[in-house]
């Protein structure tokens, strides 16, 4: 039987590659690496103040739920504030 329920402390933080702020972390709660998910990803991203990530693209759709702070991101070349 494969594991389908995870506690936060069981999920390891991943530190993005070059182009990301030092303290920018991604914790993939649902992903191919964490639980074998094939079509869905869900994670917690911590972005330090006045920083951000490298410009990149995703092949699928993405949704954000902002817990605290403000900023912006580009979608299809258009700047969106949150």
N, C-alpha and C. Protein backbone atom coordinates (compact mmCIF):
# COMPACT_ATOMS: atom_id res chain seq x y z
N UNK A 1 0.85 -1.19 0.00
CA UNK A 1 0.00 0.00 0.00
C UNK A 1 0.89 1.25 0.00
N UNK A 2 0.63 2.16 -0.93
CA UNK A 2 1.45 3.37 -0.98
C UNK A 2 0.93 4.42 0.00
N UNK A 3 1.80 5.22 0.50
CA UNK A 3 1.45 6.27 1.46
C UNK A 3 0.73 7.40 0.74
N UNK A 4 -0.38 7.87 1.29
CA UNK A 4 -1.14 8.95 0.66
C UNK A 4 -1.37 10.14 1.59
N UNK A 5 -1.03 10.02 2.85
CA UNK A 5 -1.17 11.12 3.80
C UNK A 5 0.21 11.44 4.37
N UNK A 6 0.56 12.73 4.29
CA UNK A 6 1.87 13.18 4.76
C UNK A 6 1.70 14.30 5.76
N UNK A 7 2.54 14.32 6.76
CA UNK A 7 2.60 15.44 7.69
C UNK A 7 3.62 16.44 7.17
N UNK A 8 3.41 17.71 7.50
CA UNK A 8 4.31 18.76 7.01
C UNK A 8 5.77 18.44 7.29
N UNK A 9 6.07 17.94 8.46
CA UNK A 9 7.47 17.67 8.82
C UNK A 9 8.07 16.50 8.04
N UNK A 10 7.25 15.73 7.35
CA UNK A 10 7.76 14.62 6.54
C UNK A 10 8.18 15.06 5.14
N UNK A 11 7.80 16.26 4.74
CA UNK A 11 8.10 16.75 3.40
C UNK A 11 9.36 17.58 3.46
N UNK A 12 10.33 17.25 2.63
CA UNK A 12 11.60 17.98 2.66
C UNK A 12 11.53 19.25 1.82
N UNK A 13 12.20 20.27 2.29
CA UNK A 13 12.30 21.51 1.52
C UNK A 13 13.30 21.33 0.39
N UNK A 14 13.01 21.94 -0.73
CA UNK A 14 13.91 21.87 -1.87
C UNK A 14 14.39 23.28 -2.14
N UNK A 15 15.66 23.43 -2.41
CA UNK A 15 16.22 24.74 -2.66
C UNK A 15 16.44 24.90 -4.15
N UNK A 16 15.73 25.83 -4.78
CA UNK A 16 15.84 26.00 -6.23
C UNK A 16 17.26 26.32 -6.68
N UNK A 17 17.46 26.14 -7.95
CA UNK A 17 18.77 26.30 -8.57
C UNK A 17 19.15 27.76 -8.77
N UNK A 18 20.18 27.96 -9.52
CA UNK A 18 20.71 29.29 -9.82
C UNK A 18 19.61 30.24 -10.30
N UNK A 19 19.69 31.49 -9.85
CA UNK A 19 18.71 32.50 -10.25
C UNK A 19 17.66 32.75 -9.19
N UNK A 20 17.67 31.99 -8.11
CA UNK A 20 16.70 32.16 -7.04
C UNK A 20 17.39 32.74 -5.80
N UNK A 21 16.64 33.47 -4.99
CA UNK A 21 17.18 34.05 -3.77
C UNK A 21 17.66 32.95 -2.83
N UNK A 22 18.62 33.28 -2.00
CA UNK A 22 19.23 32.32 -1.08
C UNK A 22 18.19 31.61 -0.19
N UNK A 23 17.27 32.36 0.39
CA UNK A 23 16.30 31.77 1.31
C UNK A 23 14.98 31.40 0.65
N UNK A 24 14.92 31.41 -0.67
CA UNK A 24 13.72 31.00 -1.42
C UNK A 24 13.64 29.49 -1.33
N UNK A 25 12.57 28.96 -0.77
CA UNK A 25 12.43 27.52 -0.65
C UNK A 25 11.10 27.05 -1.21
N UNK A 26 11.11 25.84 -1.71
CA UNK A 26 9.90 25.20 -2.23
C UNK A 26 9.75 23.88 -1.49
N UNK A 27 8.59 23.63 -0.92
CA UNK A 27 8.30 22.36 -0.30
C UNK A 27 7.15 21.75 -1.10
N UNK A 28 7.45 20.74 -1.89
CA UNK A 28 6.43 20.09 -2.71
C UNK A 28 5.67 19.07 -1.90
N UNK A 29 4.44 19.40 -1.54
CA UNK A 29 3.61 18.49 -0.75
C UNK A 29 3.06 17.39 -1.65
N UNK A 30 2.61 17.77 -2.83
CA UNK A 30 2.13 16.80 -3.81
C UNK A 30 2.97 16.98 -5.07
N UNK A 31 3.71 15.96 -5.44
CA UNK A 31 4.55 16.02 -6.64
C UNK A 31 4.99 14.59 -6.98
N UNK A 32 5.61 14.42 -8.14
CA UNK A 32 6.14 13.08 -8.45
C UNK A 32 7.16 12.60 -7.41
N UNK A 33 7.97 13.52 -6.88
CA UNK A 33 9.00 13.15 -5.91
C UNK A 33 8.45 12.84 -4.52
N UNK A 34 7.40 13.54 -4.10
CA UNK A 34 6.92 13.35 -2.73
C UNK A 34 5.99 12.16 -2.59
N UNK A 35 5.09 11.98 -3.56
CA UNK A 35 4.10 10.90 -3.40
C UNK A 35 3.76 10.19 -4.70
N UNK A 36 4.47 10.51 -5.77
CA UNK A 36 4.21 9.82 -7.02
C UNK A 36 3.09 10.41 -7.86
N UNK A 37 2.60 11.59 -7.51
CA UNK A 37 1.53 12.22 -8.28
C UNK A 37 1.98 12.43 -9.72
N UNK A 38 1.09 12.19 -10.67
CA UNK A 38 1.44 12.33 -12.08
C UNK A 38 0.93 13.62 -12.70
N UNK A 39 -0.22 14.12 -12.24
CA UNK A 39 -0.85 15.25 -12.91
C UNK A 39 -1.06 16.48 -12.05
N UNK A 40 -0.80 16.36 -10.76
CA UNK A 40 -1.07 17.47 -9.85
C UNK A 40 0.19 17.77 -9.04
N UNK A 41 0.43 19.05 -8.82
CA UNK A 41 1.50 19.48 -7.92
C UNK A 41 0.93 20.52 -6.97
N UNK A 42 1.34 20.44 -5.73
CA UNK A 42 0.96 21.44 -4.75
C UNK A 42 2.15 21.62 -3.82
N UNK A 43 2.48 22.87 -3.54
CA UNK A 43 3.61 23.10 -2.67
C UNK A 43 3.50 24.40 -1.92
N UNK A 44 4.40 24.57 -1.00
CA UNK A 44 4.52 25.79 -0.22
C UNK A 44 5.80 26.48 -0.67
N UNK A 45 5.70 27.72 -1.12
CA UNK A 45 6.86 28.47 -1.57
C UNK A 45 7.06 29.64 -0.62
N UNK A 46 8.26 29.77 -0.13
CA UNK A 46 8.61 30.91 0.72
C UNK A 46 9.59 31.78 -0.06
N UNK A 47 9.18 33.03 -0.28
CA UNK A 47 9.98 33.96 -1.05
C UNK A 47 10.41 35.10 -0.12
N UNK A 48 11.71 35.28 0.09
CA UNK A 48 12.17 36.36 0.98
C UNK A 48 11.76 37.73 0.45
N UNK A 49 11.61 38.72 1.35
CA UNK A 49 11.27 40.09 0.92
C UNK A 49 12.26 40.62 -0.11
N UNK A 50 11.73 41.38 -1.05
CA UNK A 50 12.53 42.04 -2.10
C UNK A 50 13.37 41.06 -2.92
N UNK A 51 12.84 39.87 -3.15
CA UNK A 51 13.55 38.90 -3.98
C UNK A 51 12.55 38.15 -4.84
N UNK A 52 13.00 37.17 -5.54
CA UNK A 52 12.11 36.40 -6.39
C UNK A 52 12.85 35.26 -7.05
N UNK A 53 12.19 34.66 -7.98
CA UNK A 53 12.77 33.52 -8.68
C UNK A 53 13.16 33.87 -10.09
N UNK A 54 13.85 32.95 -10.71
CA UNK A 54 14.26 33.13 -12.09
C UNK A 54 13.03 33.02 -13.00
N UNK A 55 13.06 33.72 -14.12
CA UNK A 55 11.97 33.62 -15.08
C UNK A 55 11.96 32.20 -15.64
N UNK A 56 10.79 31.57 -15.62
CA UNK A 56 10.67 30.20 -16.10
C UNK A 56 9.25 29.94 -16.57
N UNK A 57 9.02 28.81 -17.15
CA UNK A 57 7.69 28.43 -17.64
C UNK A 57 7.29 27.09 -17.04
N UNK A 58 5.97 26.91 -16.95
CA UNK A 58 5.41 25.63 -16.53
C UNK A 58 4.61 25.07 -17.70
N UNK A 59 4.64 23.77 -17.85
CA UNK A 59 3.88 23.16 -18.95
C UNK A 59 2.40 23.05 -18.63
N UNK A 60 2.05 23.02 -17.36
CA UNK A 60 0.66 22.93 -16.96
C UNK A 60 0.17 24.23 -16.35
N UNK A 61 -1.01 24.19 -15.80
CA UNK A 61 -1.58 25.36 -15.14
C UNK A 61 -1.03 25.48 -13.73
N UNK A 62 -1.11 26.69 -13.20
CA UNK A 62 -0.59 26.94 -11.86
C UNK A 62 -1.53 27.90 -11.14
N UNK A 63 -1.73 27.67 -9.86
CA UNK A 63 -2.56 28.56 -9.04
C UNK A 63 -1.75 28.98 -7.82
N UNK A 64 -1.98 30.20 -7.37
CA UNK A 64 -1.31 30.73 -6.18
C UNK A 64 -2.35 31.07 -5.12
N UNK A 65 -2.03 30.80 -3.88
CA UNK A 65 -2.83 31.21 -2.74
C UNK A 65 -1.87 31.97 -1.84
N UNK A 66 -2.00 33.28 -1.80
CA UNK A 66 -1.05 34.14 -1.09
C UNK A 66 -1.44 34.21 0.39
N UNK A 67 -0.55 33.82 1.28
CA UNK A 67 -0.83 33.86 2.71
C UNK A 67 -0.45 35.19 3.34
N UNK A 68 0.62 35.81 2.82
CA UNK A 68 1.09 37.04 3.42
C UNK A 68 2.01 37.74 2.42
N UNK A 69 1.97 39.06 2.43
CA UNK A 69 2.88 39.83 1.58
C UNK A 69 2.22 40.29 0.30
N UNK A 70 3.03 40.86 -0.56
CA UNK A 70 2.54 41.35 -1.84
C UNK A 70 3.67 41.25 -2.85
N UNK A 71 3.32 41.28 -4.10
CA UNK A 71 4.33 41.18 -5.15
C UNK A 71 3.65 41.12 -6.50
N UNK A 72 4.34 40.55 -7.46
CA UNK A 72 3.79 40.42 -8.80
C UNK A 72 4.44 39.24 -9.51
N UNK A 73 3.80 38.81 -10.56
CA UNK A 73 4.37 37.81 -11.44
C UNK A 73 3.88 38.07 -12.85
N UNK A 74 4.62 37.59 -13.81
CA UNK A 74 4.25 37.73 -15.21
C UNK A 74 3.56 36.46 -15.68
N UNK A 75 2.46 36.63 -16.37
CA UNK A 75 1.75 35.51 -16.99
C UNK A 75 1.54 35.89 -18.45
N UNK A 76 2.10 35.09 -19.34
CA UNK A 76 2.02 35.37 -20.78
C UNK A 76 2.46 36.80 -21.09
N UNK A 77 3.52 37.26 -20.42
CA UNK A 77 4.08 38.57 -20.68
C UNK A 77 3.35 39.73 -20.02
N UNK A 78 2.28 39.46 -19.30
CA UNK A 78 1.49 40.50 -18.63
C UNK A 78 1.76 40.48 -17.13
N UNK A 79 2.04 41.63 -16.54
CA UNK A 79 2.37 41.74 -15.13
C UNK A 79 1.09 41.72 -14.30
N UNK A 80 1.02 40.82 -13.30
CA UNK A 80 -0.13 40.68 -12.41
C UNK A 80 0.34 40.91 -10.98
N UNK A 81 -0.34 41.79 -10.25
CA UNK A 81 0.01 42.09 -8.86
C UNK A 81 -0.83 41.26 -7.91
N UNK A 82 -0.23 40.91 -6.78
CA UNK A 82 -0.96 40.21 -5.72
C UNK A 82 -0.57 40.81 -4.40
